[in-house]
Each structure stands twice: as C-alpha cells, then as structure tokens.
Amino acid sequence: MAVEARIRELGARHQNLEQAIREETMRPAADAMRLKELKRKKLKLKEEMEALGAQAH
C-alpha cells in the first residue's frame, strides 16, 4: 500500500510541474533555464513512478 501512495504523491507532483511548465510557456518572456529545470524534474518524477510501478507488480 505504501508504494501506491508514493506513486500517487509523485503523480500529484508531476501534475504540478506540468502546470508550472504550461504557465511558464504562456509567459511573454519564458525563462528557458526555468523551463529546462522544470522539465528535468518532471522527467525524474516520471522515471521514479515507473520504477515504483514495476516494483509493485
């Protein structure tokens, strides 16, 4: 059960990063470095969720 809860938590954080990326890209002068960092964090969370998902099954 703890693994599923962790995956849900990571999923929520992943969604928050997705929203932050959308907001940043909508700004007139989007910060490329901030976008790169947000995307890197989002990818790291996705990889962690996939690894945990593989362990859960």
Protein backbone atom coordinates (compact mmCIF):
# COMPACT_ATOMS: atom_id res chain seq x y z
CA MET A 1 0.00 0.00 0.00
CA ALA A 2 2.86 2.40 0.74
CA VAL A 3 4.18 2.05 -2.81
CA GLU A 4 0.82 3.00 -4.31
CA ALA A 5 0.58 6.03 -2.00
CA ARG A 6 4.08 7.12 -3.04
CA ILE A 7 3.16 6.75 -6.71
CA ARG A 8 0.05 8.89 -6.16
CA GLU A 9 2.14 11.53 -4.37
CA LEU A 10 4.66 11.58 -7.20
CA GLY A 11 1.81 11.77 -9.71
CA ALA A 12 0.44 14.85 -7.99
CA ARG A 13 3.85 16.48 -8.01
CA HIS A 14 4.22 15.54 -11.69
CA GLN A 15 0.90 17.27 -12.45
CA ASN A 16 2.02 20.37 -10.52
CA LEU A 17 5.19 20.52 -12.60
CA GLU A 18 3.16 20.10 -15.78
CA GLN A 19 1.04 23.08 -14.75
CA ALA A 20 4.14 25.14 -13.93
CA ILE A 21 5.59 24.31 -17.36
CA ARG A 22 2.35 25.38 -19.08
CA GLU A 23 2.28 28.63 -17.11
CA GLU A 24 5.92 29.37 -17.89
CA THR A 25 5.48 28.75 -21.63
CA MET A 26 2.49 31.12 -21.68
CA ARG A 27 4.55 33.98 -20.29
CA PRO A 28 5.63 36.54 -22.90
CA ALA A 29 9.28 36.11 -21.96
CA ALA A 30 9.50 32.48 -20.86
CA ASP A 31 12.64 31.65 -18.89
CA ALA A 32 14.40 28.90 -20.84
CA MET A 33 16.52 27.85 -17.87
CA ARG A 34 13.46 27.55 -15.62
CA LEU A 35 11.65 25.51 -18.27
CA LYS A 36 14.63 23.20 -18.62
CA GLU A 37 14.79 22.67 -14.85
CA LEU A 38 11.03 22.06 -14.57
CA LYS A 39 11.13 19.53 -17.42
CA ARG A 40 14.13 17.77 -15.86
CA LYS A 41 12.30 17.46 -12.54
CA LYS A 42 9.16 16.22 -14.29
CA LEU A 43 11.13 13.54 -16.14
CA LYS A 44 12.85 12.44 -12.93
CA LEU A 45 9.45 12.04 -11.22
CA LYS A 46 8.11 10.06 -14.18
CA GLU A 47 11.10 7.73 -14.08
CA GLU A 48 10.66 7.23 -10.32
CA MET A 49 6.94 6.49 -10.74
CA GLU A 50 7.69 3.93 -13.46
CA ALA A 51 10.35 2.25 -11.31
CA LEU A 52 7.97 2.06 -8.35
CA GLY A 53 5.21 0.75 -10.60
CA ALA A 54 7.46 -2.04 -11.81
CA GLN A 55 8.27 -2.96 -8.18
CA ALA A 56 4.61 -3.00 -7.22
CA HIS A 57 3.79 -5.67 -9.82
